[in-house]
């Protein structure tokens, strides 16, 4: 079962306000939560009034060194996680720091987008 923790309008508005230094941030409601986008690239999500940012090779250590947990969408499958980590509260409370972490997350998300989707190799039979 997919976690369907909602996001309150107040929390969503607060997050968007804290990210106002990053131009072009939009949101889309999804699975009861919200995805955060910048120039069409998803870099964050909100579930249960908790903000998660995309983590990649360049910024994962920022989250892990602070002891932040990754997003786990399935309560009955705690071993399944996504490459999004909870943003530390003190970072969210500082608009400049929040925007800086968002930019690093956006760069990580953009790097994944630039690689393109992973495709299974197909064998081609001749004859």
N, C-alpha and C. Protein backbone atom coordinates (compact mmCIF):
# COMPACT_ATOMS: atom_id res chain seq x y z
N UNK A 1 0.84 -1.18 0.00
CA UNK A 1 0.00 0.00 0.00
C UNK A 1 0.89 1.24 0.00
N UNK A 2 0.59 2.15 -0.88
CA UNK A 2 1.35 3.40 -0.98
C UNK A 2 0.95 4.32 0.15
N UNK A 3 1.95 4.96 0.76
CA UNK A 3 1.69 5.91 1.83
C UNK A 3 0.95 7.11 1.25
N UNK A 4 -0.16 7.46 1.84
CA UNK A 4 -0.96 8.58 1.34
C UNK A 4 -1.10 9.65 2.43
N UNK A 5 0.02 10.09 2.91
CA UNK A 5 -0.01 11.15 3.91
C UNK A 5 -0.19 12.48 3.21
N UNK A 6 -1.17 13.20 3.63
CA UNK A 6 -1.47 14.46 2.99
C UNK A 6 -0.50 15.56 3.35
N UNK A 7 -0.72 16.66 2.68
CA UNK A 7 0.04 17.88 2.97
C UNK A 7 -0.97 18.98 3.20
N UNK A 8 -0.81 19.69 4.29
CA UNK A 8 -1.75 20.78 4.58
C UNK A 8 -1.41 21.99 3.72
N UNK A 9 -2.42 22.76 3.44
CA UNK A 9 -2.23 23.99 2.64
C UNK A 9 -1.26 24.94 3.35
N UNK A 10 -1.36 25.03 4.67
CA UNK A 10 -0.46 25.93 5.42
C UNK A 10 1.00 25.50 5.28
N UNK A 11 1.25 24.21 5.41
CA UNK A 11 2.63 23.72 5.31
C UNK A 11 3.15 23.91 3.89
N UNK A 12 2.35 23.60 2.89
CA UNK A 12 2.76 23.78 1.50
C UNK A 12 3.09 25.24 1.24
N UNK A 13 2.25 26.15 1.69
CA UNK A 13 2.51 27.58 1.49
C UNK A 13 3.78 28.02 2.20
N UNK A 14 4.01 27.48 3.40
CA UNK A 14 5.23 27.80 4.15
C UNK A 14 6.47 27.35 3.37
N UNK A 15 6.45 26.13 2.87
CA UNK A 15 7.58 25.61 2.10
C UNK A 15 7.82 26.46 0.86
N UNK A 16 6.76 26.79 0.13
CA UNK A 16 6.91 27.62 -1.07
C UNK A 16 7.47 29.00 -0.73
N UNK A 17 7.06 29.54 0.41
CA UNK A 17 7.59 30.83 0.85
C UNK A 17 9.09 30.71 1.17
N UNK A 18 9.47 29.63 1.84
CA UNK A 18 10.87 29.44 2.18
C UNK A 18 11.74 29.23 0.94
N UNK A 19 11.14 28.77 -0.13
CA UNK A 19 11.86 28.53 -1.39
C UNK A 19 11.75 29.69 -2.37
N UNK A 20 11.23 30.82 -1.93
CA UNK A 20 10.98 31.93 -2.85
C UNK A 20 12.25 32.49 -3.48
N UNK A 21 13.42 32.22 -2.88
CA UNK A 21 14.68 32.68 -3.48
C UNK A 21 15.09 31.83 -4.69
N UNK A 22 14.38 30.74 -4.91
CA UNK A 22 14.63 29.88 -6.06
C UNK A 22 13.51 30.11 -7.06
N UNK A 23 13.78 30.89 -8.12
CA UNK A 23 12.70 31.23 -9.06
C UNK A 23 12.18 30.01 -9.82
N UNK A 24 10.90 30.06 -10.10
CA UNK A 24 10.29 29.03 -10.94
C UNK A 24 9.84 27.78 -10.22
N UNK A 25 9.76 27.82 -8.89
CA UNK A 25 9.31 26.63 -8.15
C UNK A 25 7.79 26.52 -8.26
N UNK A 26 7.34 25.34 -8.62
CA UNK A 26 5.91 25.03 -8.69
C UNK A 26 5.67 23.74 -7.92
N UNK A 27 4.41 23.42 -7.74
CA UNK A 27 4.07 22.17 -7.06
C UNK A 27 2.91 21.50 -7.79
N UNK A 28 2.84 20.19 -7.59
CA UNK A 28 1.72 19.40 -8.11
C UNK A 28 1.31 18.43 -7.02
N UNK A 29 0.03 18.34 -6.79
CA UNK A 29 -0.49 17.38 -5.82
C UNK A 29 -0.32 15.97 -6.41
N UNK A 30 0.12 15.05 -5.54
CA UNK A 30 0.30 13.68 -5.99
C UNK A 30 0.20 12.73 -4.81
N UNK A 31 -0.58 11.68 -4.94
CA UNK A 31 -0.72 10.65 -3.91
C UNK A 31 -1.00 11.23 -2.52
N UNK A 32 -1.75 12.31 -2.47
CA UNK A 32 -2.07 12.94 -1.20
C UNK A 32 -1.03 13.92 -0.73
N UNK A 33 0.15 13.91 -1.33
CA UNK A 33 1.22 14.83 -0.98
C UNK A 33 1.41 15.84 -2.10
N UNK A 34 2.64 16.29 -2.27
CA UNK A 34 2.93 17.24 -3.34
C UNK A 34 4.36 17.03 -3.83
N UNK A 35 4.54 17.20 -5.14
CA UNK A 35 5.87 17.20 -5.73
C UNK A 35 6.29 18.64 -5.95
N UNK A 36 7.57 18.94 -5.73
CA UNK A 36 8.11 20.29 -5.97
C UNK A 36 8.96 20.25 -7.23
N UNK A 37 8.72 21.21 -8.10
CA UNK A 37 9.39 21.26 -9.40
C UNK A 37 10.04 22.63 -9.60
N UNK A 38 11.09 22.62 -10.39
CA UNK A 38 11.70 23.86 -10.85
C UNK A 38 12.04 23.64 -12.33
N UNK A 39 11.48 24.49 -13.17
CA UNK A 39 11.66 24.35 -14.61
C UNK A 39 11.33 22.94 -15.10
N UNK A 40 10.26 22.38 -14.54
CA UNK A 40 9.77 21.08 -14.98
C UNK A 40 10.49 19.87 -14.40
N UNK A 41 11.49 20.07 -13.55
CA UNK A 41 12.25 18.97 -12.96
C UNK A 41 11.84 18.82 -11.50
N UNK A 42 11.45 17.63 -11.11
CA UNK A 42 11.07 17.39 -9.71
C UNK A 42 12.34 17.28 -8.87
N UNK A 43 12.37 18.05 -7.77
CA UNK A 43 13.54 18.03 -6.89
C UNK A 43 13.16 17.79 -5.43
N UNK A 44 11.86 17.79 -5.14
CA UNK A 44 11.44 17.59 -3.77
C UNK A 44 10.02 17.06 -3.70
N UNK A 45 9.67 16.59 -2.53
CA UNK A 45 8.29 16.16 -2.31
C UNK A 45 7.92 16.39 -0.86
N UNK A 46 6.63 16.50 -0.65
CA UNK A 46 6.09 16.70 0.68
C UNK A 46 5.10 15.59 0.94
N UNK A 47 5.27 14.90 2.06
CA UNK A 47 4.34 13.86 2.47
C UNK A 47 4.17 13.96 3.98
N UNK A 48 2.94 14.00 4.42
CA UNK A 48 2.68 14.09 5.85
C UNK A 48 3.28 15.33 6.48
N UNK A 49 3.26 16.43 5.75
CA UNK A 49 3.85 17.70 6.20
C UNK A 49 5.31 17.55 6.59
N UNK A 50 6.02 16.75 5.82
CA UNK A 50 7.47 16.60 5.93
C UNK A 50 8.04 16.86 4.55
N UNK A 51 9.09 17.69 4.49
CA UNK A 51 9.72 18.06 3.23
C UNK A 51 10.93 17.16 2.97
N UNK A 52 10.97 16.60 1.78
CA UNK A 52 12.08 15.76 1.34
C UNK A 52 12.69 16.36 0.08
N UNK A 53 14.01 16.35 -0.01
CA UNK A 53 14.71 16.82 -1.20
C UNK A 53 15.44 15.65 -1.85
N UNK A 54 15.58 15.73 -3.16
CA UNK A 54 16.31 14.73 -3.94
C UNK A 54 17.76 14.69 -3.48
N UNK A 55 18.29 13.49 -3.34
CA UNK A 55 19.69 13.31 -2.96
C UNK A 55 20.40 12.49 -4.03
N UNK A 56 21.59 12.93 -4.37
CA UNK A 56 22.41 12.21 -5.34
C UNK A 56 23.83 12.13 -4.83
N UNK A 57 24.74 11.74 -5.70
CA UNK A 57 26.14 11.54 -5.31
C UNK A 57 26.75 12.81 -4.70
N UNK A 58 26.35 13.97 -5.19
CA UNK A 58 26.96 15.22 -4.73
C UNK A 58 26.41 15.76 -3.42
N UNK A 59 25.18 15.37 -3.05
CA UNK A 59 24.61 15.98 -1.84
C UNK A 59 24.05 14.98 -0.83
N UNK A 60 24.10 13.70 -1.10
CA UNK A 60 23.56 12.71 -0.16
C UNK A 60 24.22 12.82 1.21
N UNK A 61 25.52 13.05 1.22
CA UNK A 61 26.25 13.15 2.49
C UNK A 61 25.73 14.29 3.36
N UNK A 62 25.23 15.36 2.75
CA UNK A 62 24.66 16.48 3.52
C UNK A 62 23.52 15.99 4.41
N UNK A 63 22.69 15.12 3.87
CA UNK A 63 21.54 14.59 4.61
C UNK A 63 21.98 13.52 5.61
N UNK A 64 22.81 12.59 5.13
CA UNK A 64 23.22 11.48 5.98
C UNK A 64 24.06 11.94 7.17
N UNK A 65 24.90 12.95 6.96
CA UNK A 65 25.73 13.44 8.07
C UNK A 65 24.88 14.11 9.15
N UNK A 66 23.67 14.53 8.78
CA UNK A 66 22.75 15.14 9.75
C UNK A 66 21.78 14.11 10.33
N UNK A 67 21.93 12.84 9.91
CA UNK A 67 21.07 11.77 10.42
C UNK A 67 19.66 11.78 9.87
N UNK A 68 19.47 12.37 8.69
CA UNK A 68 18.14 12.47 8.12
C UNK A 68 17.76 11.15 7.43
N UNK A 69 16.47 10.82 7.51
CA UNK A 69 15.96 9.59 6.91
C UNK A 69 15.53 9.81 5.47
N UNK A 70 15.63 8.73 4.71
CA UNK A 70 15.13 8.77 3.33
C UNK A 70 13.62 8.54 3.34
N UNK A 71 12.98 8.95 2.28
CA UNK A 71 11.53 8.79 2.13
C UNK A 71 11.21 7.32 1.89
N UNK A 72 10.33 6.78 2.69
CA UNK A 72 9.90 5.39 2.58
C UNK A 72 8.39 5.40 2.31
N UNK A 73 8.01 5.18 1.06
CA UNK A 73 6.60 5.34 0.69
C UNK A 73 5.68 4.22 1.13
N UNK A 74 6.22 3.06 1.50
CA UNK A 74 5.40 1.91 1.85
C UNK A 74 5.59 1.53 3.32
N UNK A 75 4.64 1.85 4.18
CA UNK A 75 4.80 1.55 5.61
C UNK A 75 5.04 0.06 5.88
N UNK A 76 4.47 -0.80 5.05
CA UNK A 76 4.62 -2.24 5.27
C UNK A 76 5.90 -2.79 4.63
N UNK A 77 6.70 -1.93 3.99
CA UNK A 77 7.96 -2.34 3.38
C UNK A 77 9.04 -1.31 3.72
N UNK A 78 9.50 -1.30 4.98
CA UNK A 78 10.45 -0.28 5.40
C UNK A 78 11.81 -0.36 4.69
N UNK A 79 12.09 -1.48 4.05
CA UNK A 79 13.35 -1.61 3.33
C UNK A 79 13.32 -0.86 2.00
N UNK A 80 12.15 -0.45 1.54
CA UNK A 80 12.01 0.28 0.27
C UNK A 80 12.09 1.77 0.56
N UNK A 81 13.08 2.42 -0.04
CA UNK A 81 13.20 3.87 0.14
C UNK A 81 13.46 4.52 -1.22
N UNK A 82 13.31 5.80 -1.25
CA UNK A 82 13.54 6.57 -2.47
C UNK A 82 14.72 7.50 -2.23
N UNK A 83 15.26 8.06 -3.29
CA UNK A 83 16.43 8.95 -3.21
C UNK A 83 16.04 10.36 -2.81
N UNK A 84 15.12 10.47 -1.87
CA UNK A 84 14.70 11.74 -1.30
C UNK A 84 14.92 11.64 0.20
N UNK A 85 15.50 12.69 0.78
CA UNK A 85 15.78 12.71 2.21
C UNK A 85 15.08 13.87 2.87
N UNK A 86 14.69 13.64 4.13
CA UNK A 86 14.04 14.69 4.90
C UNK A 86 14.99 15.87 5.08
N UNK A 87 14.47 17.06 4.88
CA UNK A 87 15.27 18.27 5.05
C UNK A 87 15.35 18.61 6.53
N UNK A 88 16.56 18.89 7.06
CA UNK A 88 16.65 19.27 8.47
C UNK A 88 15.81 20.53 8.76
N UNK A 89 15.18 20.55 9.91
CA UNK A 89 14.28 21.65 10.29
C UNK A 89 15.00 23.00 10.28
N UNK A 90 16.25 23.04 10.75
CA UNK A 90 16.94 24.33 10.79
C UNK A 90 17.24 24.86 9.39
N UNK A 91 17.39 23.97 8.43
CA UNK A 91 17.61 24.39 7.04
C UNK A 91 16.31 24.95 6.47
N UNK A 92 15.20 24.27 6.73
CA UNK A 92 13.91 24.75 6.25
C UNK A 92 13.58 26.13 6.83
N UNK A 93 13.97 26.38 8.07
CA UNK A 93 13.65 27.64 8.73
C UNK A 93 14.48 28.81 8.22
N UNK A 94 15.55 28.54 7.49
CA UNK A 94 16.42 29.58 6.95
C UNK A 94 16.23 29.63 5.43
N UNK A 95 15.49 30.64 4.93
CA UNK A 95 15.18 30.67 3.50
C UNK A 95 16.40 30.60 2.58
N UNK A 96 17.50 31.26 2.94
CA UNK A 96 18.69 31.21 2.09
C UNK A 96 19.30 29.82 2.06
N UNK A 97 19.40 29.18 3.22
CA UNK A 97 19.93 27.82 3.28
C UNK A 97 18.99 26.84 2.59
N UNK A 98 17.70 27.03 2.78
CA UNK A 98 16.70 26.16 2.15
C UNK A 98 16.85 26.23 0.62
N UNK A 99 16.98 27.42 0.09
CA UNK A 99 17.16 27.59 -1.35
C UNK A 99 18.47 26.98 -1.82
N UNK A 100 19.53 27.10 -1.02
CA UNK A 100 20.83 26.52 -1.39
C UNK A 100 20.74 25.00 -1.44
N UNK A 101 20.10 24.39 -0.45
CA UNK A 101 19.94 22.93 -0.47
C UNK A 101 19.04 22.52 -1.63
N UNK A 102 18.02 23.31 -1.92
CA UNK A 102 17.12 23.01 -3.05
C UNK A 102 17.90 23.06 -4.36
N UNK A 103 18.79 24.01 -4.51
CA UNK A 103 19.60 24.09 -5.73
C UNK A 103 20.46 22.84 -5.90
N UNK A 104 21.06 22.36 -4.82
CA UNK A 104 21.87 21.13 -4.90
C UNK A 104 21.00 19.93 -5.23
N UNK A 105 19.80 19.89 -4.67
CA UNK A 105 18.87 18.80 -4.97
C UNK A 105 18.40 18.88 -6.42
N UNK A 106 18.16 20.07 -6.88
CA UNK A 106 17.77 20.26 -8.27
C UNK A 106 18.89 19.80 -9.20
N UNK A 107 20.13 20.11 -8.86
CA UNK A 107 21.27 19.66 -9.68
C UNK A 107 21.33 18.14 -9.71
N UNK A 108 21.07 17.49 -8.57
CA UNK A 108 21.05 16.03 -8.53
C UNK A 108 19.92 15.47 -9.38
N UNK A 109 18.75 16.07 -9.27
CA UNK A 109 17.60 15.62 -10.06
C UNK A 109 17.85 15.85 -11.54
N UNK A 110 18.44 17.00 -11.86
CA UNK A 110 18.73 17.34 -13.25
C UNK A 110 19.75 16.36 -13.85
N UNK A 111 20.73 15.93 -13.04
CA UNK A 111 21.72 14.97 -13.52
C UNK A 111 21.06 13.65 -13.88
N UNK A 112 20.09 13.22 -13.07
CA UNK A 112 19.36 11.99 -13.37
C UNK A 112 18.54 12.17 -14.64
N UNK A 113 17.89 13.32 -14.78
CA UNK A 113 17.08 13.60 -15.95
C UNK A 113 17.93 13.61 -17.23
N UNK A 114 19.13 14.18 -17.13
CA UNK A 114 20.01 14.26 -18.30
C UNK A 114 20.49 12.89 -18.75
N UNK A 115 20.61 11.94 -17.80
CA UNK A 115 21.02 10.58 -18.18
C UNK A 115 19.93 9.89 -18.94
N UNK A 116 18.70 10.30 -18.70
CA UNK A 116 17.58 9.70 -19.39
C UNK A 116 17.13 8.44 -18.68
N UNK A 117 16.00 7.88 -19.14
CA UNK A 117 15.47 6.69 -18.49
C UNK A 117 16.37 5.48 -18.75
N UNK A 118 16.40 4.62 -17.77
CA UNK A 118 17.16 3.38 -17.95
C UNK A 118 16.30 2.44 -18.77
N UNK A 119 16.90 1.88 -19.78
CA UNK A 119 16.16 0.97 -20.64
C UNK A 119 16.79 -0.40 -20.60
N UNK A 120 15.94 -1.39 -20.60
CA UNK A 120 16.43 -2.77 -20.64
C UNK A 120 17.00 -3.04 -22.02
N UNK A 121 18.10 -3.77 -22.05
CA UNK A 121 18.68 -4.14 -23.33
C UNK A 121 17.86 -5.25 -23.94
N UNK A 122 17.63 -5.12 -25.23
CA UNK A 122 16.89 -6.15 -25.94
C UNK A 122 17.84 -6.89 -26.86
N UNK A 123 17.67 -8.16 -26.90
CA UNK A 123 18.48 -8.90 -27.86
C UNK A 123 17.72 -8.94 -29.18
N UNK A 124 18.44 -8.79 -30.24
CA UNK A 124 17.83 -8.78 -31.56
C UNK A 124 18.17 -10.08 -32.25
N UNK A 125 17.15 -10.77 -32.65
CA UNK A 125 17.35 -12.03 -33.35
C UNK A 125 17.28 -11.79 -34.84
N UNK A 126 18.21 -12.35 -35.53
CA UNK A 126 18.19 -12.26 -36.98
C UNK A 126 17.78 -13.63 -37.52
N UNK A 127 17.08 -13.54 -38.59
CA UNK A 127 16.79 -14.81 -39.24
C UNK A 127 15.40 -15.00 -39.44
